[in-house]
Amino acid sequence: MTTALLPLAYGYIRDDLLDGRSPGTSEDKLRDTARSLGYELGTVFHEPEPQNATLPPAFADLVQECRRAAAHTVITVQGHMSHMPVCRMVLLSILDVRADATVHEVSV
Protein backbone atom coordinates (compact mmCIF):
# COMPACT_ATOMS: atom_id res chain seq x y z
CA MET A 1 0.00 0.00 0.00
CA THR A 2 1.33 3.46 -0.90
CA THR A 3 0.32 6.79 0.52
CA ALA A 4 0.08 9.93 -1.54
CA LEU A 5 2.29 12.84 -0.62
CA LEU A 6 0.48 16.03 0.25
CA PRO A 7 1.41 19.23 -1.62
CA LEU A 8 3.82 21.47 0.24
CA ALA A 9 2.90 24.75 1.94
CA TYR A 10 5.12 27.16 3.86
CA GLY A 11 4.40 29.22 6.93
CA TYR A 12 5.14 32.84 7.78
CA ILE A 13 5.09 34.41 11.26
CA ARG A 14 6.04 37.88 12.48
CA ASP A 15 7.61 37.17 15.89
CA ASP A 16 6.99 40.73 17.11
CA LEU A 17 3.21 40.26 16.66
CA LEU A 18 2.85 37.10 18.75
CA ASP A 19 1.77 39.07 21.86
CA GLY A 20 3.60 36.82 24.30
CA ARG A 21 2.37 33.60 22.69
CA SER A 22 4.89 30.88 22.05
CA PRO A 23 6.08 30.64 18.44
CA GLY A 24 5.51 26.88 18.76
CA THR A 25 1.80 27.39 19.46
CA SER A 26 1.44 29.50 16.32
CA GLU A 27 3.38 26.97 14.29
CA ASP A 28 1.10 24.20 15.55
CA LYS A 29 -1.93 26.22 14.41
CA LEU A 30 -0.35 26.72 10.97
CA ARG A 31 0.44 22.99 10.76
CA ASP A 32 -3.14 22.03 11.72
CA THR A 33 -4.52 24.48 9.16
CA ALA A 34 -2.22 23.14 6.45
CA ARG A 35 -3.40 19.59 7.12
CA SER A 36 -7.06 20.64 7.08
CA LEU A 37 -6.48 22.30 3.68
CA GLY A 38 -4.73 19.19 2.32
CA TYR A 39 -1.11 20.40 2.59
CA GLU A 40 2.02 19.38 4.40
CA LEU A 41 3.60 22.36 6.18
CA GLY A 42 7.29 22.76 5.45
CA THR A 43 9.47 25.48 6.93
CA VAL A 44 7.86 28.27 8.92
CA PHE A 45 9.69 31.51 8.18
CA HIS A 46 10.02 33.76 11.24
CA GLU A 47 10.35 37.50 10.69
CA PRO A 48 11.92 39.66 13.39
CA GLU A 49 10.69 43.19 13.93
CA PRO A 50 10.58 44.99 10.57
CA GLN A 51 13.04 47.75 9.79
CA ASN A 52 13.09 50.73 7.44
CA ALA A 53 10.10 49.90 5.20
CA THR A 54 12.22 47.49 3.15
CA LEU A 55 11.09 44.10 1.95
CA PRO A 56 11.39 41.93 5.07
CA PRO A 57 14.30 39.46 4.75
CA ALA A 58 12.42 36.33 5.90
CA PHE A 59 9.60 37.24 3.48
CA ALA A 60 12.13 37.42 0.62
CA ASP A 61 13.48 34.01 1.70
CA LEU A 62 9.91 32.66 1.75
CA VAL A 63 9.32 33.80 -1.84
CA GLN A 64 12.59 32.21 -2.99
CA GLU A 65 11.78 28.92 -1.25
CA CYS A 66 8.28 28.82 -2.73
CA ARG A 67 9.82 29.25 -6.18
CA ARG A 68 12.56 26.68 -5.57
CA ALA A 69 10.15 24.02 -4.29
CA ALA A 70 7.29 24.95 -6.64
CA ALA A 71 5.09 25.37 -3.56
CA HIS A 72 2.09 27.58 -4.21
CA THR A 73 0.57 28.00 -0.76
CA VAL A 74 1.58 30.14 2.22
CA ILE A 75 -0.18 29.94 5.56
CA THR A 76 0.23 32.79 8.02
CA VAL A 77 -1.32 34.18 11.16
CA GLN A 78 -4.02 36.77 10.49
CA GLY A 79 -2.52 40.26 10.44
CA HIS A 80 1.08 39.15 10.04
CA MET A 81 1.24 40.52 6.50
CA SER A 82 -1.03 43.49 6.97
CA HIS A 83 0.89 45.16 9.81
CA MET A 84 4.07 45.62 7.80
CA PRO A 85 5.68 48.85 6.67
CA VAL A 86 5.27 47.56 3.14
CA CYS A 87 1.64 47.46 2.04
CA ARG A 88 -0.11 44.08 2.39
CA MET A 89 -1.29 44.30 -1.20
CA VAL A 90 2.31 44.57 -2.41
CA LEU A 91 3.38 41.52 -0.38
CA LEU A 92 0.51 39.45 -1.71
CA SER A 93 1.30 40.59 -5.25
CA ILE A 94 4.95 39.60 -4.86
CA LEU A 95 3.94 36.13 -3.72
CA ASP A 96 1.48 35.84 -6.60
CA VAL A 97 3.76 37.13 -9.37
CA ARG A 98 7.09 35.72 -8.17
CA ALA A 99 5.95 32.37 -6.75
CA ASP A 100 2.40 31.85 -8.04
CA ALA A 101 1.45 31.42 -4.38
CA THR A 102 -1.79 32.12 -2.55
CA VAL A 103 -2.03 33.06 1.13
CA HIS A 104 -4.30 31.58 3.78
CA GLU A 105 -4.56 33.55 7.02
CA VAL A 106 -5.58 31.86 10.28
CA SER A 107 -6.53 33.16 13.72
CA VAL A 108 -4.61 31.93 16.75
PDB file of N, CA and C in Angstrom:
ATOM      1  N   MET A   1       0.838  -1.170   0.000  1.00  0.00           N
ATOM      2  CA  MET A   1       0.000   0.000   0.000  1.00  0.00           C
ATOM      3  C   MET A   1       0.892   1.246   0.000  1.00  0.00           C
ATOM      4  N   THR A   2       0.576   2.216  -0.853  1.00  0.00           N
ATOM      5  CA  THR A   2       1.332   3.464  -0.896  1.00  0.00           C
ATOM      6  C   THR A   2       0.442   4.610  -0.429  1.00  0.00           C
ATOM      7  N   THR A   3       1.073   5.610   0.103  1.00  0.00           N
ATOM      8  CA  THR A   3       0.319   6.795   0.520  1.00  0.00           C
ATOM      9  C   THR A   3       0.744   7.961  -0.347  1.00  0.00           C
ATOM     10  N   ALA A   4      -0.205   8.773  -0.711  1.00  0.00           N
ATOM     11  CA  ALA A   4       0.081   9.933  -1.544  1.00  0.00           C
ATOM     12  C   ALA A   4       0.716  11.031  -0.704  1.00  0.00           C
ATOM     13  N   LEU A   5       1.671  11.701  -1.292  1.00  0.00           N
ATOM     14  CA  LEU A   5       2.285  12.844  -0.621  1.00  0.00           C
ATOM     15  C   LEU A   5       1.384  14.057  -0.772  1.00  0.00           C
ATOM     16  N   LEU A   6       1.266  14.801   0.297  1.00  0.00           N
ATOM     17  CA  LEU A   6       0.478  16.031   0.249  1.00  0.00           C
ATOM     18  C   LEU A   6       1.304  17.135  -0.391  1.00  0.00           C
ATOM     19  N   PRO A   7       0.656  18.090  -1.086  1.00  0.00           N
ATOM     20  CA  PRO A   7       1.406  19.229  -1.620  1.00  0.00           C
ATOM     21  C   PRO A   7       1.991  20.048  -0.471  1.00  0.00           C
ATOM     22  N   LEU A   8       3.067  20.720  -0.760  1.00  0.00           N
ATOM     23  CA  LEU A   8       3.819  21.469   0.238  1.00  0.00           C
ATOM     24  C   LEU A   8       3.299  22.898   0.382  1.00  0.00           C
ATOM     25  N   ALA A   9       3.217  23.353   1.623  1.00  0.00           N
ATOM     26  CA  ALA A   9       2.899  24.750   1.943  1.00  0.00           C
ATOM     27  C   ALA A   9       3.969  25.247   2.898  1.00  0.00           C
ATOM     28  N   TYR A  10       4.176  26.548   2.932  1.00  0.00           N
ATOM     29  CA  TYR A  10       5.123  27.157   3.856  1.00  0.00           C
ATOM     30  C   TYR A  10       4.390  28.093   4.795  1.00  0.00           C
ATOM     31  N   GLY A  11       4.984  28.333   5.948  1.00  0.00           N
ATOM     32  CA  GLY A  11       4.398  29.218   6.933  1.00  0.00           C
ATOM     33  C   GLY A  11       5.181  30.514   7.062  1.00  0.00           C
ATOM     34  N   TYR A  12       4.511  31.530   7.574  1.00  0.00           N
ATOM     35  CA  TYR A  12       5.142  32.844   7.779  1.00  0.00           C
ATOM     36  C   TYR A  12       4.589  33.452   9.055  1.00  0.00           C
ATOM     37  N   ILE A  13       5.492  33.833   9.978  1.00  0.00           N
ATOM     38  CA  ILE A  13       5.094  34.412  11.258  1.00  0.00           C
ATOM     39  C   ILE A  13       5.971  35.621  11.560  1.00  0.00           C
ATOM     40  N   ARG A  14       5.328  36.709  11.966  1.00  0.00           N
ATOM     41  CA  ARG A  14       6.041  37.882  12.483  1.00  0.00           C
ATOM     42  C   ARG A  14       6.181  37.695  13.990  1.00  0.00           C
ATOM     43  N   ASP A  15       7.385  37.438  14.466  1.00  0.00           N
ATOM     44  CA  ASP A  15       7.614  37.171  15.889  1.00  0.00           C
ATOM     45  C   ASP A  15       7.195  38.338  16.776  1.00  0.00           C
ATOM     46  N   ASP A  16       7.328  39.579  16.285  1.00  0.00           N
ATOM     47  CA  ASP A  16       6.985  40.734  17.113  1.00  0.00           C
ATOM     48  C   ASP A  16       5.473  40.905  17.296  1.00  0.00           C
ATOM     49  N   LEU A  17       4.662  40.163  16.550  1.00  0.00           N
ATOM     50  CA  LEU A  17       3.205  40.264  16.663  1.00  0.00           C
ATOM     51  C   LEU A  17       2.577  39.097  17.422  1.00  0.00           C
ATOM     52  N   LEU A  18       3.378  38.266  18.052  1.00  0.00           N
ATOM     53  CA  LEU A  18       2.848  37.096  18.750  1.00  0.00           C
ATOM     54  C   LEU A  18       2.228  37.426  20.101  1.00  0.00           C
ATOM     55  N   ASP A  19       2.400  38.634  20.602  1.00  0.00           N
ATOM     56  CA  ASP A  19       1.775  39.066  21.863  1.00  0.00           C
ATOM     57  C   ASP A  19       2.015  38.097  23.013  1.00  0.00           C
ATOM     58  N   GLY A  20       3.253  37.685  23.183  1.00  0.00           N
ATOM     59  CA  GLY A  20       3.597  36.822  24.303  1.00  0.00           C
ATOM     60  C   GLY A  20       3.296  35.350  24.087  1.00  0.00           C
ATOM     61  N   ARG A  21       2.630  35.009  22.984  1.00  0.00           N
ATOM     62  CA  ARG A  21       2.373  33.596  22.688  1.00  0.00           C
ATOM     63  C   ARG A  21       3.666  32.928  22.243  1.00  0.00           C
ATOM     64  N   SER A  22       3.749  31.672  22.478  1.00  0.00           N
ATOM     65  CA  SER A  22       4.894  30.878  22.052  1.00  0.00           C
ATOM     66  C   SER A  22       4.883  30.721  20.532  1.00  0.00           C
ATOM     67  N   PRO A  23       6.041  30.895  19.878  1.00  0.00           N
ATOM     68  CA  PRO A  23       6.083  30.643  18.436  1.00  0.00           C
ATOM     69  C   PRO A  23       5.645  29.219  18.093  1.00  0.00           C
ATOM     70  N   GLY A  24       5.913  28.269  18.991  1.00  0.00           N
ATOM     71  CA  GLY A  24       5.515  26.883  18.764  1.00  0.00           C
ATOM     72  C   GLY A  24       4.010  26.716  18.673  1.00  0.00           C
ATOM     73  N   THR A  25       3.263  27.451  19.493  1.00  0.00           N
ATOM     74  CA  THR A  25       1.802  27.389  19.459  1.00  0.00           C
ATOM     75  C   THR A  25       1.281  27.880  18.113  1.00  0.00           C
ATOM     76  N   SER A  26       1.853  28.969  17.623  1.00  0.00           N
ATOM     77  CA  SER A  26       1.436  29.503  16.325  1.00  0.00           C
ATOM     78  C   SER A  26       1.809  28.547  15.203  1.00  0.00           C
ATOM     79  N   GLU A  27       2.977  27.945  15.304  1.00  0.00           N
ATOM     80  CA  GLU A  27       3.383  26.971  14.290  1.00  0.00           C
ATOM     81  C   GLU A  27       2.442  25.768  14.285  1.00  0.00           C
ATOM     82  N   ASP A  28       2.042  25.318  15.469  1.00  0.00           N
ATOM     83  CA  ASP A  28       1.101  24.196  15.552  1.00  0.00           C
ATOM     84  C   ASP A  28      -0.207  24.546  14.857  1.00  0.00           C
ATOM     85  N   LYS A  29      -0.687  25.775  15.053  1.00  0.00           N
ATOM     86  CA  LYS A  29      -1.930  26.221  14.406  1.00  0.00           C
ATOM     87  C   LYS A  29      -1.765  26.233  12.886  1.00  0.00           C
ATOM     88  N   LEU A  30      -0.605  26.714  12.408  1.00  0.00           N
ATOM     89  CA  LEU A  30      -0.353  26.718  10.967  1.00  0.00           C
ATOM     90  C   LEU A  30      -0.309  25.288  10.429  1.00  0.00           C
ATOM     91  N   ARG A  31       0.333  24.395  11.176  1.00  0.00           N
ATOM     92  CA  ARG A  31       0.441  22.987  10.762  1.00  0.00           C
ATOM     93  C   ARG A  31      -0.945  22.333  10.689  1.00  0.00           C
ATOM     94  N   ASP A  32      -1.769  22.577  11.714  1.00  0.00           N
ATOM     95  CA  ASP A  32      -3.135  22.030  11.715  1.00  0.00           C
ATOM     96  C   ASP A  32      -3.949  22.571  10.539  1.00  0.00           C
ATOM     97  N   THR A  33      -3.801  23.867  10.274  1.00  0.00           N
ATOM     98  CA  THR A  33      -4.521  24.480   9.159  1.00  0.00           C
ATOM     99  C   THR A  33      -4.057  23.896   7.834  1.00  0.00           C
ATOM    100  N   ALA A  34      -2.752  23.727   7.686  1.00  0.00           N
ATOM    101  CA  ALA A  34      -2.222  23.143   6.455  1.00  0.00           C
ATOM    102  C   ALA A  34      -2.817  21.765   6.218  1.00  0.00           C
ATOM    103  N   ARG A  35      -2.847  20.945   7.248  1.00  0.00           N
ATOM    104  CA  ARG A  35      -3.405  19.589   7.120  1.00  0.00           C
ATOM    105  C   ARG A  35      -4.891  19.647   6.740  1.00  0.00           C
ATOM    106  N   SER A  36      -5.625  20.558   7.372  1.00  0.00           N
ATOM    107  CA  SER A  36      -7.062  20.642   7.075  1.00  0.00           C
ATOM    108  C   SER A  36      -7.315  21.115   5.645  1.00  0.00           C
ATOM    109  N   LEU A  37      -6.354  21.836   5.078  1.00  0.00           N
ATOM    110  CA  LEU A  37      -6.481  22.296   3.685  1.00  0.00           C
ATOM    111  C   LEU A  37      -5.887  21.306   2.688  1.00  0.00           C
ATOM    112  N   GLY A  38      -5.298  20.206   3.209  1.00  0.00           N
ATOM    113  CA  GLY A  38      -4.727  19.189   2.323  1.00  0.00           C
ATOM    114  C   GLY A  38      -3.276  19.414   1.965  1.00  0.00           C
ATOM    115  N   TYR A  39      -2.527  20.118   2.824  1.00  0.00           N
ATOM    116  CA  TYR A  39      -1.115  20.405   2.585  1.00  0.00           C
ATOM    117  C   TYR A  39      -0.252  19.855   3.706  1.00  0.00           C
ATOM    118  N   GLU A  40       1.008  19.678   3.397  1.00  0.00           N
ATOM    119  CA  GLU A  40       2.020  19.378   4.401  1.00  0.00           C
ATOM    120  C   GLU A  40       2.793  20.671   4.628  1.00  0.00           C
ATOM    121  N   LEU A  41       2.893  21.113   5.886  1.00  0.00           N
ATOM    122  CA  LEU A  41       3.602  22.355   6.183  1.00  0.00           C
ATOM    123  C   LEU A  41       5.099  22.099   6.235  1.00  0.00           C
ATOM    124  N   GLY A  42       5.835  22.838   5.438  1.00  0.00           N
ATOM    125  CA  GLY A  42       7.294  22.756   5.447  1.00  0.00           C
ATOM    126  C   GLY A  42       7.842  23.757   6.457  1.00  0.00           C
ATOM    127  N   THR A  43       8.839  24.482   6.080  1.00  0.00           N
ATOM    128  CA  THR A  43       9.473  25.478   6.930  1.00  0.00           C
ATOM    129  C   THR A  43       8.503  26.603   7.274  1.00  0.00           C
ATOM    130  N   VAL A  44       8.572  27.063   8.511  1.00  0.00           N
ATOM    131  CA  VAL A  44       7.856  28.272   8.915  1.00  0.00           C
ATOM    132  C   VAL A  44       8.905  29.368   9.006  1.00  0.00           C
ATOM    133  N   PHE A  45       8.749  30.399   8.201  1.00  0.00           N
ATOM    134  CA  PHE A  45       9.694  31.507   8.178  1.00  0.00           C
ATOM    135  C   PHE A  45       9.303  32.499   9.264  1.00  0.00           C
ATOM    136  N   HIS A  46      10.254  32.831  10.132  1.00  0.00           N
ATOM    137  CA  HIS A  46      10.019  33.758  11.238  1.00  0.00           C
ATOM    138  C   HIS A  46      10.678  35.090  10.916  1.00  0.00           C
ATOM    139  N   GLU A  47       9.871  36.144  10.974  1.00  0.00           N
ATOM    140  CA  GLU A  47      10.347  37.504  10.688  1.00  0.00           C
ATOM    141  C   GLU A  47      10.545  38.239  11.997  1.00  0.00           C
ATOM    142  N   PRO A  48      11.749  38.789  12.216  1.00  0.00           N
ATOM    143  CA  PRO A  48      11.925  39.656  13.387  1.00  0.00           C
ATOM    144  C   PRO A  48      11.230  40.989  13.137  1.00  0.00           C
ATOM    145  N   GLU A  49      11.314  41.874  14.083  1.00  0.00           N
ATOM    146  CA  GLU A  49      10.688  43.190  13.932  1.00  0.00           C
ATOM    147  C   GLU A  49      11.155  43.859  12.651  1.00  0.00           C
ATOM    148  N   PRO A  50      10.207  44.372  11.843  1.00  0.00           N
ATOM    149  CA  PRO A  50      10.584  44.992  10.565  1.00  0.00           C
ATOM    150  C   PRO A  50      11.390  46.271  10.766  1.00  0.00           C
ATOM    151  N   GLN A  51      12.182  46.581   9.740  1.00  0.00           N
ATOM    152  CA  GLN A  51      13.039  47.752   9.790  1.00  0.00           C
ATOM    153  C   GLN A  51      12.934  48.525   8.484  1.00  0.00           C
ATOM    154  N   ASN A  52      12.899  49.814   8.567  1.00  0.00           N
ATOM    155  CA  ASN A  52      13.093  50.732   7.441  1.00  0.00           C
ATOM    156  C   ASN A  52      12.191  50.586   6.222  1.00  0.00           C
ATOM    157  N   ALA A  53      11.032  49.993   6.329  1.00  0.00           N
ATOM    158  CA  ALA A  53      10.104  49.897   5.198  1.00  0.00           C
ATOM    159  C   ALA A  53      10.722  49.202   3.992  1.00  0.00           C
ATOM    160  N   THR A  54      11.659  48.295   4.235  1.00  0.00           N
ATOM    161  CA  THR A  54      12.218  47.494   3.151  1.00  0.00           C
ATOM    162  C   THR A  54      11.486  46.160   3.100  1.00  0.00           C
ATOM    163  N   LEU A  55      11.694  45.426   2.037  1.00  0.00           N
ATOM    164  CA  LEU A  55      11.095  44.102   1.952  1.00  0.00           C
ATOM    165  C   LEU A  55      11.699  43.243   3.059  1.00  0.00           C
ATOM    166  N   PRO A  56      10.876  42.699   3.937  1.00  0.00           N
ATOM    167  CA  PRO A  56      11.391  41.926   5.070  1.00  0.00           C
ATOM    168  C   PRO A  56      12.223  40.732   4.604  1.00  0.00           C
ATOM    169  N   PRO A  57      13.394  40.512   5.212  1.00  0.00           N
ATOM    170  CA  PRO A  57      14.304  39.460   4.748  1.00  0.00           C
ATOM    171  C   PRO A  57      13.704  38.053   4.780  1.00  0.00           C
ATOM    172  N   ALA A  58      12.997  37.676   5.845  1.00  0.00           N
ATOM    173  CA  ALA A  58      12.417  36.327   5.898  1.00  0.00           C
ATOM    174  C   ALA A  58      11.317  36.183   4.842  1.00  0.00           C
ATOM    175  N   PHE A  59      10.610  37.277   4.535  1.00  0.00           N
ATOM    176  CA  PHE A  59       9.604  37.240   3.482  1.00  0.00           C
ATOM    177  C   PHE A  59      10.275  36.977   2.132  1.00  0.00           C
ATOM    178  N   ALA A  60      11.390  37.647   1.870  1.00  0.00           N
ATOM    179  CA  ALA A  60      12.131  37.420   0.623  1.00  0.00           C
ATOM    180  C   ALA A  60      12.607  35.968   0.544  1.00  0.00           C
ATOM    181  N   ASP A  61      13.069  35.420   1.668  1.00  0.00           N
ATOM    182  CA  ASP A  61      13.483  34.007   1.704  1.00  0.00           C
ATOM    183  C   ASP A  61      12.298  33.087   1.427  1.00  0.00           C
ATOM    184  N   LEU A  62      11.135  33.429   1.975  1.00  0.00           N
ATOM    185  CA  LEU A  62       9.914  32.656   1.745  1.00  0.00           C
ATOM    186  C   LEU A  62       9.577  32.608   0.258  1.00  0.00           C
ATOM    187  N   VAL A  63       9.628  33.745  -0.408  1.00  0.00           N
ATOM    188  CA  VAL A  63       9.317  33.802  -1.841  1.00  0.00           C
ATOM    189  C   VAL A  63      10.295  32.917  -2.620  1.00  0.00           C
ATOM    190  N   GLN A  64      11.572  33.021  -2.301  1.00  0.00           N
ATOM    191  CA  GLN A  64      12.589  32.213  -2.987  1.00  0.00           C
ATOM    192  C   GLN A  64      12.341  30.726  -2.777  1.00  0.00           C
ATOM    193  N   GLU A  65      12.008  30.333  -1.549  1.00  0.00           N
ATOM    194  CA  GLU A  65      11.778  28.918  -1.252  1.00  0.00           C
ATOM    195  C   GLU A  65      10.520  28.403  -1.947  1.00  0.00           C
ATOM    196  N   CYS A  66       9.491  29.214  -2.002  1.00  0.00           N
ATOM    197  CA  CYS A  66       8.279  28.816  -2.734  1.00  0.00           C
ATOM    198  C   CYS A  66       8.611  28.562  -4.207  1.00  0.00           C
ATOM    199  N   ARG A  67       9.426  29.421  -4.766  1.00  0.00           N
ATOM    200  CA  ARG A  67       9.817  29.254  -6.175  1.00  0.00           C
ATOM    201  C   ARG A  67      10.674  28.006  -6.355  1.00  0.00           C
ATOM    202  N   ARG A  68      11.644  27.810  -5.463  1.00  0.00           N
ATOM    203  CA  ARG A  68      12.557  26.676  -5.572  1.00  0.00           C
ATOM    204  C   ARG A  68      11.801  25.350  -5.487  1.00  0.00           C
ATOM    205  N   ALA A  69      10.869  25.268  -4.538  1.00  0.00           N
ATOM    206  CA  ALA A  69      10.146  24.020  -4.290  1.00  0.00           C
ATOM    207  C   ALA A  69       8.855  23.902  -5.101  1.00  0.00           C
ATOM    208  N   ALA A  70       8.550  24.918  -5.893  1.00  0.00           N
ATOM    209  CA  ALA A  70       7.287  24.954  -6.643  1.00  0.00           C
ATOM    210  C   ALA A  70       6.100  24.765  -5.704  1.00  0.00           C
ATOM    211  N   ALA A  71       6.182  25.394  -4.537  1.00  0.00           N
ATOM    212  CA  ALA A  71       5.086  25.371  -3.560  1.00  0.00           C
ATOM    213  C   ALA A  71       4.253  26.621  -3.781  1.00  0.00           C
ATOM    214  N   HIS A  72       2.949  26.462  -3.834  1.00  0.00           N
ATOM    215  CA  HIS A  72       2.091  27.583  -4.208  1.00  0.00           C
ATOM    216  C   HIS A  72       1.135  28.017  -3.111  1.00  0.00           C
ATOM    217  N   THR A  73       1.441  27.646  -1.873  1.00  0.00           N
ATOM    218  CA  THR A  73       0.571  28.005  -0.760  1.00  0.00           C
ATOM    219  C   THR A  73       1.401  28.482   0.425  1.00  0.00           C
ATOM    220  N   VAL A  74       0.968  29.599   1.004  1.00  0.00           N
ATOM    221  CA  VAL A  74       1.580  30.145   2.216  1.00  0.00           C
ATOM    222  C   VAL A  74       0.479  30.275   3.254  1.00  0.00           C
ATOM    223  N   ILE A  75       0.782  29.833   4.470  1.00  0.00           N
ATOM    224  CA  ILE A  75      -0.177  29.940   5.564  1.00  0.00           C
ATOM    225  C   ILE A  75       0.451  30.834   6.627  1.00  0.00           C
ATOM    226  N   THR A  76      -0.296  31.833   7.053  1.00  0.00           N
ATOM    227  CA  THR A  76       0.229  32.791   8.016  1.00  0.00           C
ATOM    228  C   THR A  76      -0.840  33.118   9.056  1.00  0.00           C
ATOM    229  N   VAL A  77      -0.405  33.725  10.121  1.00  0.00           N
ATOM    230  CA  VAL A  77      -1.319  34.179  11.162  1.00  0.00           C
ATOM    231  C   VAL A  77      -1.983  35.469  10.678  1.00  0.00           C
ATOM    232  N   GLN A  78      -3.261  35.591  10.930  1.00  0.00           N
ATOM    233  CA  GLN A  78      -4.015  36.770  10.489  1.00  0.00           C
ATOM    234  C   GLN A  78      -3.345  38.044  11.003  1.00  0.00           C
ATOM    235  N   GLY A  79      -3.123  38.986  10.101  1.00  0.00           N
ATOM    236  CA  GLY A  79      -2.517  40.263  10.444  1.00  0.00           C
ATOM    237  C   GLY A  79      -1.014  40.303  10.302  1.00  0.00           C
ATOM    238  N   HIS A  80      -0.373  39.163  10.095  1.00  0.00           N
ATOM    239  CA  HIS A  80       1.082  39.150  10.038  1.00  0.00           C
ATOM    240  C   HIS A  80       1.632  39.666   8.710  1.00  0.00           C
ATOM    241  N   MET A  81       0.809  39.844   7.731  1.00  0.00           N
ATOM    242  CA  MET A  81       1.244  40.516   6.504  1.00  0.00           C
ATOM    243  C   MET A  81       0.685  41.920   6.414  1.00  0.00           C
ATOM    244  N   SER A  82      -0.403  42.180   7.107  1.00  0.00           N
ATOM    245  CA  SER A  82      -1.030  43.488   6.968  1.00  0.00           C
ATOM    246  C   SER A  82      -0.460  44.548   7.903  1.00  0.00           C
ATOM    247  N   HIS A  83       0.306  44.186   8.891  1.00  0.00           N
ATOM    248  CA  HIS A  83       0.895  45.160   9.811  1.00  0.00           C
ATOM    249  C   HIS A  83       2.349  45.463   9.473  1.00  0.00           C
ATOM    250  N   MET A  84       2.691  45.387   8.222  1.00  0.00           N
ATOM    251  CA  MET A  84       4.067  45.620   7.800  1.00  0.00           C
ATOM    252  C   MET A  84       4.216  47.024   7.239  1.00  0.00           C
ATOM    253  N   PRO A  85       5.444  47.554   7.295  1.00  0.00           N
ATOM    254  CA  PRO A  85       5.683  48.848   6.674  1.00  0.00           C
ATOM    255  C   PRO A  85       5.387  48.832   5.173  1.00  0.00           C
ATOM    256  N   VAL A  86       5.591  47.694   4.551  1.00  0.00           N
ATOM    257  CA  VAL A  86       5.270  47.557   3.138  1.00  0.00           C
ATOM    258  C   VAL A  86       3.811  47.130   3.053  1.00  0.00           C
ATOM    259  N   CYS A  87       3.077  47.718   2.168  1.00  0.00           N
ATOM    260  CA  CYS A  87       1.642  47.459   2.036  1.00  0.00           C
ATOM    261  C   CYS A  87       1.347  45.971   1.818  1.00  0.00           C
ATOM    262  N   ARG A  88       0.314  45.480   2.506  1.00  0.00           N
ATOM    263  CA  ARG A  88      -0.107  44.076   2.393  1.00  0.00           C
ATOM    264  C   ARG A  88      -0.363  43.685   0.940  1.00  0.00           C
ATOM    265  N   MET A  89      -0.982  44.582   0.193  1.00  0.00           N
ATOM    266  CA  MET A  89      -1.286  44.295  -1.199  1.00  0.00           C
ATOM    267  C   MET A  89      -0.007  44.032  -2.002  1.00  0.00           C
ATOM    268  N   VAL A  90       1.042  44.766  -1.711  1.00  0.00           N
ATOM    269  CA  VAL A  90       2.312  44.574  -2.409  1.00  0.00           C
ATOM    270  C   VAL A  90       2.888  43.196  -2.069  1.00  0.00           C
ATOM    271  N   LEU A  91       2.848  42.820  -0.784  1.00  0.00           N
ATOM    272  CA  LEU A  91       3.381  41.523  -0.377  1.00  0.00           C
ATOM    273  C   LEU A  91       2.627  40.381  -1.040  1.00  0.00           C
ATOM    274  N   LEU A  92       1.299  40.483  -1.060  1.00  0.00           N
ATOM    275  CA  LEU A  92       0.509  39.446  -1.706  1.00  0.00           C
ATOM    276  C   LEU A  92       0.788  39.392  -3.207  1.00  0.00           C
ATOM    277  N   SER A  93       0.981  40.543  -3.822  1.00  0.00           N
ATOM    278  CA  SER A  93       1.296  40.588  -5.252  1.00  0.00           C
ATOM    279  C   SER A  93       2.655  39.954  -5.539  1.00  0.00           C
ATOM    280  N   ILE A  94       3.628  40.207  -4.677  1.00  0.00           N
ATOM    281  CA  ILE A  94       4.953  39.604  -4.859  1.00  0.00           C
ATOM    282  C   ILE A  94       4.847  38.084  -4.799  1.00  0.00           C
ATOM    283  N   LEU A  95       4.112  37.575  -3.813  1.00  0.00           N
ATOM    284  CA  LEU A  95       3.939  36.125  -3.723  1.00  0.00           C
ATOM    285  C   LEU A  95       3.222  35.570  -4.953  1.00  0.00           C
ATOM    286  N   ASP A  96       2.236  36.293  -5.425  1.00  0.00           N
ATOM    287  CA  ASP A  96       1.481  35.843  -6.601  1.00  0.00           C
ATOM    288  C   ASP A  96       2.346  35.855  -7.856  1.00  0.00           C
ATOM    289  N   VAL A  97       2.998  36.969  -8.123  1.00  0.00           N
ATOM    290  CA  VAL A  97       3.757  37.130  -9.365  1.00  0.00           C
ATOM    291  C   VAL A  97       5.059  36.323  -9.341  1.00  0.00           C
ATOM    292  N   ARG A  98       5.779  36.374  -8.241  1.00  0.00           N
ATOM    293  CA  ARG A  98       7.090  35.716  -8.171  1.00  0.00           C
ATOM    294  C   ARG A  98       7.021  34.216  -7.889  1.00  0.00           C
ATOM    295  N   ALA A  99       5.995  33.776  -7.158  1.00  0.00           N
ATOM    296  CA  ALA A  99       5.954  32.368  -6.746  1.00  0.00           C
ATOM    297  C   ALA A  99       4.635  31.690  -7.094  1.00  0.00           C
ATOM    298  N   ASP A 100       3.720  32.407  -7.726  1.00  0.00           N
ATOM    299  CA  ASP A 100       2.400  31.853  -8.045  1.00  0.00           C
ATOM    300  C   ASP A 100       1.768  31.241  -6.799  1.00  0.00           C
ATOM    301  N   ALA A 101       1.921  31.946  -5.662  1.00  0.00           N
ATOM    302  CA  ALA A 101       1.451  31.423  -4.376  1.00  0.00           C
ATOM    303  C   ALA A 101       0.246  32.214  -3.869  1.00  0.00           C
ATOM    304  N   THR A 102      -0.650  31.508  -3.216  1.00  0.00           N
ATOM    305  CA  THR A 102      -1.785  32.121  -2.546  1.00  0.00           C
ATOM    306  C   THR A 102      -1.547  32.061  -1.038  1.00  0.00           C
ATOM    307  N   VAL A 103      -2.218  32.942  -0.319  1.00  0.00           N
ATOM    308  CA  VAL A 103      -2.025  33.056   1.127  1.00  0.00           C
ATOM    309  C   VAL A 103      -3.325  32.709   1.843  1.00  0.00           C
ATOM    310  N   HIS A 104      -3.198  31.890   2.878  1.00  0.00           N
ATOM    311  CA  HIS A 104      -4.301  31.577   3.775  1.00  0.00           C
ATOM    312  C   HIS A 104      -3.933  32.140   5.134  1.00  0.00           C
ATOM    313  N   GLU A 105      -4.803  32.969   5.698  1.00  0.00           N
ATOM    314  CA  GLU A 105      -4.559  33.547   7.024  1.00  0.00           C
ATOM    315  C   GLU A 105      -5.436  32.857   8.047  1.00  0.00           C
ATOM    316  N   VAL A 106      -4.846  32.538   9.214  1.00  0.00           N
ATOM    317  CA  VAL A 106      -5.582  31.856  10.281  1.00  0.00           C
ATOM    318  C   VAL A 106      -5.511  32.673  11.568  1.00  0.00           C
ATOM    319  N   SER A 107      -6.523  32.524  12.405  1.00  0.00           N
ATOM    320  CA  SER A 107      -6.534  33.160  13.725  1.00  0.00           C
ATOM    321  C   SER A 107      -5.902  32.201  14.720  1.00  0.00           C
ATOM    322  N   VAL A 108      -5.165  32.766  15.665  1.00  0.00           N
ATOM    323  CA  VAL A 108      -4.607  31.930  16.752  1.00  0.00           C
ATOM    324  C   VAL A 108      -5.180  32.350  18.079  1.00  0.00           C
TER     325      VAL A 108
END
